[in-house]
Amino acid sequence: MKKIGWGENLPRNMMKEWREWCLSKTYFRSAILKKTNLDKFYGFTIPITSIYMSDDELANDTTAPMMMNFFPDAPSKVYKLQVEKYTTCKVGHTGIFRKKFQDNLWPLLVDVISNDCNTANAVNNRLRYSPHTG
């Protein structure tokens, strides 16, 4: 992973498993079912806040809310960060963690996370909130 600029290296088998998930229409649902005999994380009740980037090729208007279906008992909020308002650079799926975004995008994440996504300013001016109903 370091070789392609995606953080730390992962164990070889992890990459194989990730590849299988990515090639499956149900993502990792079949892997969960195979290991646990359940296709969702029932009983997980910790609130989830999901933030995805408007130019993300993996997490998008369809897949980001869909991911919350794996946690049917957890209250969840899904936000879309409109990156084009803050940068002309591509952010994509993992770019938000690059140091070049520390001054313009990181504060948005901190604001939303630290205020439990209830900051009207963040919702109205920076993010689009999509209420998720599993």
N, C-alpha and C. Protein backbone atom coordinates (compact mmCIF):
# COMPACT_ATOMS: atom_id res chain seq x y z
N MET A 1 0.81 -1.18 0.00
CA MET A 1 0.00 0.00 0.00
C MET A 1 0.87 1.26 0.00
N LYS A 2 1.97 1.23 0.72
CA LYS A 2 2.87 2.39 0.75
C LYS A 2 3.36 2.71 -0.66
N LYS A 3 3.62 1.67 -1.44
CA LYS A 3 4.15 1.84 -2.79
C LYS A 3 3.22 2.68 -3.67
N ILE A 4 1.91 2.55 -3.46
CA ILE A 4 0.95 3.31 -4.26
C ILE A 4 0.42 4.54 -3.53
N GLY A 5 1.01 4.86 -2.37
CA GLY A 5 0.64 6.07 -1.65
C GLY A 5 -0.62 5.96 -0.82
N TRP A 6 -1.01 4.75 -0.43
CA TRP A 6 -2.23 4.54 0.35
C TRP A 6 -1.92 4.14 1.79
N GLY A 7 -1.02 4.79 2.45
CA GLY A 7 -0.76 4.53 3.86
C GLY A 7 0.15 3.35 4.09
N GLU A 8 -0.14 2.58 5.12
CA GLU A 8 0.71 1.48 5.53
C GLU A 8 0.43 0.21 4.74
N ASN A 9 1.41 -0.69 4.70
CA ASN A 9 1.24 -1.97 4.04
C ASN A 9 0.29 -2.86 4.86
N LEU A 10 -0.46 -3.68 4.16
CA LEU A 10 -1.40 -4.61 4.79
C LEU A 10 -0.92 -6.03 4.56
N PRO A 11 -1.34 -6.96 5.42
CA PRO A 11 -0.99 -8.37 5.19
C PRO A 11 -1.51 -8.84 3.83
N ARG A 12 -0.79 -9.75 3.20
CA ARG A 12 -1.13 -10.24 1.87
C ARG A 12 -2.57 -10.76 1.80
N ASN A 13 -2.98 -11.54 2.76
CA ASN A 13 -4.34 -12.09 2.73
C ASN A 13 -5.41 -11.02 2.85
N MET A 14 -5.09 -9.93 3.51
CA MET A 14 -6.03 -8.83 3.64
C MET A 14 -6.35 -8.25 2.26
N MET A 15 -5.34 -8.11 1.44
CA MET A 15 -5.54 -7.57 0.10
C MET A 15 -6.41 -8.50 -0.74
N LYS A 16 -6.21 -9.82 -0.60
CA LYS A 16 -7.03 -10.78 -1.33
C LYS A 16 -8.49 -10.67 -0.90
N GLU A 17 -8.70 -10.55 0.41
CA GLU A 17 -10.06 -10.44 0.93
C GLU A 17 -10.71 -9.13 0.46
N TRP A 18 -9.96 -8.05 0.52
CA TRP A 18 -10.46 -6.75 0.07
C TRP A 18 -10.85 -6.82 -1.41
N ARG A 19 -10.03 -7.48 -2.21
CA ARG A 19 -10.32 -7.63 -3.63
C ARG A 19 -11.63 -8.38 -3.84
N GLU A 20 -11.85 -9.46 -3.08
CA GLU A 20 -13.10 -10.21 -3.18
C GLU A 20 -14.29 -9.32 -2.85
N TRP A 21 -14.15 -8.53 -1.80
CA TRP A 21 -15.24 -7.62 -1.42
C TRP A 21 -15.54 -6.65 -2.56
N CYS A 22 -14.49 -6.08 -3.12
CA CYS A 22 -14.67 -5.07 -4.17
C CYS A 22 -15.30 -5.64 -5.43
N LEU A 23 -15.09 -6.90 -5.70
CA LEU A 23 -15.65 -7.54 -6.88
C LEU A 23 -17.06 -8.06 -6.66
N SER A 24 -17.52 -8.07 -5.43
CA SER A 24 -18.84 -8.59 -5.11
C SER A 24 -19.89 -7.48 -5.14
N LYS A 25 -21.06 -7.79 -5.68
CA LYS A 25 -22.16 -6.81 -5.71
C LYS A 25 -22.63 -6.45 -4.30
N THR A 26 -22.43 -7.36 -3.36
CA THR A 26 -22.88 -7.11 -1.98
C THR A 26 -21.73 -6.69 -1.08
N TYR A 27 -20.62 -6.31 -1.68
CA TYR A 27 -19.41 -5.88 -0.96
C TYR A 27 -19.00 -6.94 0.04
N PHE A 28 -18.97 -6.68 1.33
CA PHE A 28 -18.47 -7.69 2.27
C PHE A 28 -19.59 -8.48 2.95
N ARG A 29 -20.83 -8.30 2.49
CA ARG A 29 -21.95 -9.01 3.11
C ARG A 29 -21.76 -10.54 3.09
N SER A 30 -21.31 -11.10 1.97
CA SER A 30 -21.13 -12.55 1.88
C SER A 30 -20.02 -13.03 2.82
N ALA A 31 -18.98 -12.21 3.01
CA ALA A 31 -17.90 -12.58 3.93
C ALA A 31 -18.41 -12.61 5.37
N ILE A 32 -19.25 -11.65 5.72
CA ILE A 32 -19.83 -11.63 7.06
C ILE A 32 -20.71 -12.86 7.25
N LEU A 33 -21.55 -13.14 6.27
CA LEU A 33 -22.46 -14.28 6.34
C LEU A 33 -21.70 -15.59 6.51
N LYS A 34 -20.62 -15.74 5.75
CA LYS A 34 -19.82 -16.96 5.80
C LYS A 34 -19.19 -17.16 7.19
N LYS A 35 -18.74 -16.08 7.81
CA LYS A 35 -18.05 -16.19 9.10
C LYS A 35 -18.98 -16.17 10.31
N THR A 36 -20.15 -15.55 10.19
CA THR A 36 -21.00 -15.36 11.37
C THR A 36 -22.40 -15.91 11.24
N ASN A 37 -22.79 -16.34 10.04
CA ASN A 37 -24.15 -16.74 9.74
C ASN A 37 -25.15 -15.59 9.85
N LEU A 38 -24.65 -14.38 9.84
CA LEU A 38 -25.47 -13.17 9.81
C LEU A 38 -25.00 -12.31 8.65
N ASP A 39 -25.91 -11.56 8.06
CA ASP A 39 -25.48 -10.70 6.96
C ASP A 39 -25.47 -9.22 7.34
N LYS A 40 -25.65 -8.96 8.63
CA LYS A 40 -25.61 -7.59 9.13
C LYS A 40 -25.02 -7.61 10.54
N PHE A 41 -24.63 -6.44 11.02
CA PHE A 41 -24.11 -6.33 12.39
C PHE A 41 -25.26 -5.96 13.32
N TYR A 42 -26.15 -6.92 13.56
CA TYR A 42 -27.27 -6.69 14.47
C TYR A 42 -26.73 -6.48 15.88
N GLY A 43 -27.39 -5.65 16.65
CA GLY A 43 -26.97 -5.43 18.02
C GLY A 43 -25.93 -4.35 18.18
N PHE A 44 -25.36 -3.87 17.09
CA PHE A 44 -24.41 -2.76 17.15
C PHE A 44 -25.24 -1.49 17.24
N THR A 45 -25.19 -0.82 18.39
CA THR A 45 -26.09 0.31 18.63
C THR A 45 -25.38 1.64 18.82
N ILE A 46 -24.08 1.68 18.65
CA ILE A 46 -23.34 2.93 18.80
C ILE A 46 -23.65 3.83 17.61
N PRO A 47 -23.99 5.09 17.85
CA PRO A 47 -24.29 6.00 16.73
C PRO A 47 -23.11 6.11 15.75
N ILE A 48 -23.44 6.16 14.48
CA ILE A 48 -22.44 6.23 13.42
C ILE A 48 -22.61 7.54 12.64
N THR A 49 -21.51 8.23 12.45
CA THR A 49 -21.48 9.41 11.58
C THR A 49 -20.57 9.07 10.41
N SER A 50 -21.12 9.15 9.22
CA SER A 50 -20.36 8.84 8.00
C SER A 50 -20.24 10.11 7.17
N ILE A 51 -19.02 10.43 6.77
CA ILE A 51 -18.77 11.61 5.94
C ILE A 51 -18.03 11.15 4.69
N TYR A 52 -18.60 11.46 3.53
CA TYR A 52 -17.92 11.10 2.29
C TYR A 52 -17.73 12.34 1.42
N MET A 53 -16.79 12.26 0.52
CA MET A 53 -16.42 13.40 -0.32
C MET A 53 -17.24 13.42 -1.61
N SER A 54 -17.59 14.59 -2.07
CA SER A 54 -18.41 14.72 -3.27
C SER A 54 -17.73 14.16 -4.53
N ASP A 55 -16.40 14.03 -4.52
CA ASP A 55 -15.70 13.48 -5.68
C ASP A 55 -15.17 12.06 -5.42
N ASP A 56 -15.72 11.40 -4.41
CA ASP A 56 -15.28 10.05 -4.07
C ASP A 56 -15.82 9.05 -5.08
N GLU A 57 -14.94 8.26 -5.66
CA GLU A 57 -15.35 7.28 -6.66
C GLU A 57 -15.91 6.00 -6.04
N LEU A 58 -15.69 5.78 -4.76
CA LEU A 58 -16.19 4.57 -4.10
C LEU A 58 -17.40 4.86 -3.20
N ALA A 59 -17.23 5.79 -2.30
CA ALA A 59 -18.35 6.21 -1.44
C ALA A 59 -19.05 7.35 -2.16
N ASN A 60 -20.32 7.13 -2.50
CA ASN A 60 -21.05 8.13 -3.26
C ASN A 60 -22.48 8.22 -2.75
N ASP A 61 -23.34 8.93 -3.48
CA ASP A 61 -24.72 9.13 -3.03
C ASP A 61 -25.49 7.83 -2.85
N THR A 62 -25.08 6.79 -3.53
CA THR A 62 -25.74 5.48 -3.39
C THR A 62 -25.06 4.63 -2.34
N THR A 63 -23.74 4.49 -2.44
CA THR A 63 -23.04 3.53 -1.58
C THR A 63 -22.84 3.99 -0.14
N ALA A 64 -22.66 5.28 0.09
CA ALA A 64 -22.43 5.75 1.46
C ALA A 64 -23.64 5.48 2.36
N PRO A 65 -24.86 5.87 1.95
CA PRO A 65 -26.02 5.51 2.78
C PRO A 65 -26.25 4.00 2.84
N MET A 66 -25.97 3.30 1.74
CA MET A 66 -26.17 1.85 1.70
C MET A 66 -25.30 1.13 2.74
N MET A 67 -24.11 1.66 2.99
CA MET A 67 -23.20 1.05 3.97
C MET A 67 -23.85 1.00 5.35
N MET A 68 -24.69 1.96 5.65
CA MET A 68 -25.34 1.99 6.96
C MET A 68 -26.32 0.83 7.14
N ASN A 69 -26.75 0.21 6.04
CA ASN A 69 -27.65 -0.94 6.12
C ASN A 69 -27.00 -2.13 6.84
N PHE A 70 -25.68 -2.15 6.91
CA PHE A 70 -24.99 -3.23 7.62
C PHE A 70 -25.14 -3.08 9.13
N PHE A 71 -25.60 -1.94 9.58
CA PHE A 71 -25.74 -1.65 11.01
C PHE A 71 -27.18 -1.22 11.30
N PRO A 72 -28.16 -2.12 11.15
CA PRO A 72 -29.57 -1.74 11.23
C PRO A 72 -30.01 -1.22 12.59
N ASP A 73 -29.31 -1.55 13.66
CA ASP A 73 -29.72 -1.12 15.00
C ASP A 73 -29.01 0.15 15.46
N ALA A 74 -28.09 0.66 14.67
CA ALA A 74 -27.32 1.84 15.05
C ALA A 74 -27.93 3.10 14.43
N PRO A 75 -28.14 4.13 15.25
CA PRO A 75 -28.56 5.40 14.65
C PRO A 75 -27.42 5.93 13.78
N SER A 76 -27.75 6.44 12.61
CA SER A 76 -26.67 6.88 11.72
C SER A 76 -27.03 8.18 11.01
N LYS A 77 -25.98 8.92 10.69
CA LYS A 77 -26.09 10.14 9.89
C LYS A 77 -25.03 10.06 8.81
N VAL A 78 -25.42 10.43 7.60
CA VAL A 78 -24.50 10.40 6.47
C VAL A 78 -24.39 11.81 5.91
N TYR A 79 -23.16 12.29 5.78
CA TYR A 79 -22.90 13.63 5.27
C TYR A 79 -22.03 13.56 4.02
N LYS A 80 -22.32 14.45 3.11
CA LYS A 80 -21.51 14.58 1.89
C LYS A 80 -20.74 15.90 1.98
N LEU A 81 -19.43 15.83 1.98
CA LEU A 81 -18.60 17.03 2.02
C LEU A 81 -18.41 17.55 0.60
N GLN A 82 -18.88 18.74 0.34
CA GLN A 82 -18.80 19.36 -0.98
C GLN A 82 -17.39 19.92 -1.19
N VAL A 83 -16.46 19.05 -1.54
CA VAL A 83 -15.04 19.44 -1.60
C VAL A 83 -14.76 20.52 -2.65
N GLU A 84 -15.56 20.57 -3.69
CA GLU A 84 -15.31 21.55 -4.75
C GLU A 84 -15.46 22.99 -4.25
N LYS A 85 -16.11 23.19 -3.11
CA LYS A 85 -16.22 24.53 -2.52
C LYS A 85 -14.92 24.97 -1.85
N TYR A 86 -14.02 24.02 -1.60
CA TYR A 86 -12.83 24.31 -0.80
C TYR A 86 -11.51 24.04 -1.50
N THR A 87 -11.55 23.31 -2.60
CA THR A 87 -10.30 22.97 -3.29
C THR A 87 -10.59 22.62 -4.75
N THR A 88 -9.61 22.85 -5.59
CA THR A 88 -9.70 22.41 -6.98
C THR A 88 -8.98 21.07 -7.15
N CYS A 89 -8.34 20.60 -6.08
CA CYS A 89 -7.62 19.32 -6.11
C CYS A 89 -8.59 18.16 -5.94
N LYS A 90 -8.24 17.04 -6.53
CA LYS A 90 -9.00 15.81 -6.34
C LYS A 90 -8.79 15.33 -4.91
N VAL A 91 -9.88 14.97 -4.23
CA VAL A 91 -9.81 14.45 -2.87
C VAL A 91 -10.07 12.94 -2.91
N GLY A 92 -11.15 12.53 -3.55
CA GLY A 92 -11.44 11.11 -3.72
C GLY A 92 -11.73 10.38 -2.42
N HIS A 93 -11.40 9.09 -2.40
CA HIS A 93 -11.77 8.21 -1.29
C HIS A 93 -10.86 8.37 -0.07
N THR A 94 -9.58 8.53 -0.27
CA THR A 94 -8.66 8.61 0.87
C THR A 94 -7.87 9.91 0.93
N GLY A 95 -8.04 10.77 -0.06
CA GLY A 95 -7.25 11.98 -0.12
C GLY A 95 -7.45 12.95 1.03
N ILE A 96 -8.60 12.90 1.67
CA ILE A 96 -8.90 13.81 2.78
C ILE A 96 -7.83 13.75 3.87
N PHE A 97 -7.14 12.63 3.97
CA PHE A 97 -6.13 12.44 5.01
C PHE A 97 -4.75 12.97 4.62
N ARG A 98 -4.63 13.52 3.44
CA ARG A 98 -3.35 14.08 3.00
C ARG A 98 -3.12 15.44 3.66
N LYS A 99 -1.88 15.69 4.00
CA LYS A 99 -1.52 16.91 4.73
C LYS A 99 -1.92 18.19 3.99
N LYS A 100 -1.97 18.14 2.67
CA LYS A 100 -2.30 19.35 1.91
C LYS A 100 -3.72 19.86 2.18
N PHE A 101 -4.56 19.03 2.80
CA PHE A 101 -5.92 19.45 3.12
C PHE A 101 -6.10 19.84 4.58
N GLN A 102 -5.00 19.91 5.33
CA GLN A 102 -5.11 20.17 6.76
C GLN A 102 -5.72 21.54 7.09
N ASP A 103 -5.55 22.52 6.22
CA ASP A 103 -6.06 23.86 6.53
C ASP A 103 -7.47 24.12 5.99
N ASN A 104 -7.86 23.40 4.93
CA ASN A 104 -9.17 23.69 4.36
C ASN A 104 -10.22 22.60 4.58
N LEU A 105 -9.83 21.34 4.63
CA LEU A 105 -10.83 20.27 4.78
C LEU A 105 -10.84 19.65 6.18
N TRP A 106 -9.69 19.50 6.79
CA TRP A 106 -9.65 18.88 8.12
C TRP A 106 -10.51 19.63 9.13
N PRO A 107 -10.49 20.97 9.14
CA PRO A 107 -11.33 21.67 10.12
C PRO A 107 -12.82 21.35 9.96
N LEU A 108 -13.24 21.08 8.73
CA LEU A 108 -14.64 20.72 8.51
C LEU A 108 -14.97 19.39 9.18
N LEU A 109 -14.06 18.43 9.03
CA LEU A 109 -14.27 17.13 9.68
C LEU A 109 -14.29 17.27 11.19
N VAL A 110 -13.34 18.01 11.72
CA VAL A 110 -13.26 18.21 13.17
C VAL A 110 -14.53 18.88 13.68
N ASP A 111 -15.01 19.87 12.96
CA ASP A 111 -16.22 20.58 13.35
C ASP A 111 -17.41 19.63 13.44
N VAL A 112 -17.61 18.84 12.42
CA VAL A 112 -18.74 17.92 12.40
C VAL A 112 -18.61 16.86 13.48
N ILE A 113 -17.44 16.25 13.57
CA ILE A 113 -17.24 15.18 14.55
C ILE A 113 -17.35 15.71 15.97
N SER A 114 -16.71 16.83 16.26
CA SER A 114 -16.71 17.35 17.63
C SER A 114 -18.07 17.87 18.06
N ASN A 115 -18.90 18.23 17.12
CA ASN A 115 -20.24 18.72 17.45
C ASN A 115 -21.31 17.67 17.20
N ASP A 116 -20.89 16.43 17.04
CA ASP A 116 -21.82 15.32 16.85
C ASP A 116 -22.78 15.58 15.71
N CYS A 117 -22.28 16.26 14.68
CA CYS A 117 -23.05 16.53 13.46
C CYS A 117 -24.29 17.38 13.70
N ASN A 118 -24.34 18.12 14.79
CA ASN A 118 -25.48 18.98 15.05
C ASN A 118 -25.19 20.45 14.77
N THR A 119 -24.04 20.75 14.23
CA THR A 119 -23.67 22.13 13.97
C THR A 119 -24.41 22.62 12.73
N ALA A 120 -25.34 23.53 12.94
CA ALA A 120 -26.12 24.06 11.82
C ALA A 120 -25.21 24.69 10.78
N ASN A 121 -24.17 25.37 11.22
CA ASN A 121 -23.23 26.00 10.30
C ASN A 121 -22.58 24.95 9.39
N ALA A 122 -22.17 23.84 9.97
CA ALA A 122 -21.53 22.79 9.17
C ALA A 122 -22.52 22.20 8.17
N VAL A 123 -23.72 21.94 8.63
CA VAL A 123 -24.71 21.32 7.76
C VAL A 123 -25.13 22.27 6.65
N ASN A 124 -25.39 23.51 6.99
CA ASN A 124 -25.91 24.45 6.00
C ASN A 124 -24.86 24.94 5.01
N ASN A 125 -23.65 25.15 5.46
CA ASN A 125 -22.65 25.78 4.61
C ASN A 125 -21.59 24.86 4.05
N ARG A 126 -21.38 23.72 4.65
CA ARG A 126 -20.24 22.89 4.24
C ARG A 126 -20.63 21.49 3.79
N LEU A 127 -21.66 20.96 4.39
CA LEU A 127 -22.01 19.57 4.14
C LEU A 127 -23.47 19.46 3.75
N ARG A 128 -23.79 18.40 3.09
CA ARG A 128 -25.19 18.09 2.83
C ARG A 128 -25.54 16.87 3.67
N TYR A 129 -26.50 17.02 4.55
CA TYR A 129 -26.92 15.92 5.41
C TYR A 129 -27.96 15.09 4.68
N SER A 130 -27.78 13.79 4.71
CA SER A 130 -28.75 12.87 4.12
C SER A 130 -29.26 11.97 5.23
N PRO A 131 -30.47 12.22 5.73
CA PRO A 131 -30.96 11.33 6.78
C PRO A 131 -31.03 9.92 6.24
N HIS A 132 -30.51 8.99 7.00
CA HIS A 132 -30.48 7.60 6.55
C HIS A 132 -31.57 6.82 7.25
N THR A 133 -32.37 6.16 6.47
CA THR A 133 -33.35 5.25 7.04
C THR A 133 -33.08 3.89 6.45
N GLY A 134 -32.59 2.98 7.31
CA GLY A 134 -32.19 1.65 6.87
C GLY A 134 -33.26 0.92 6.22
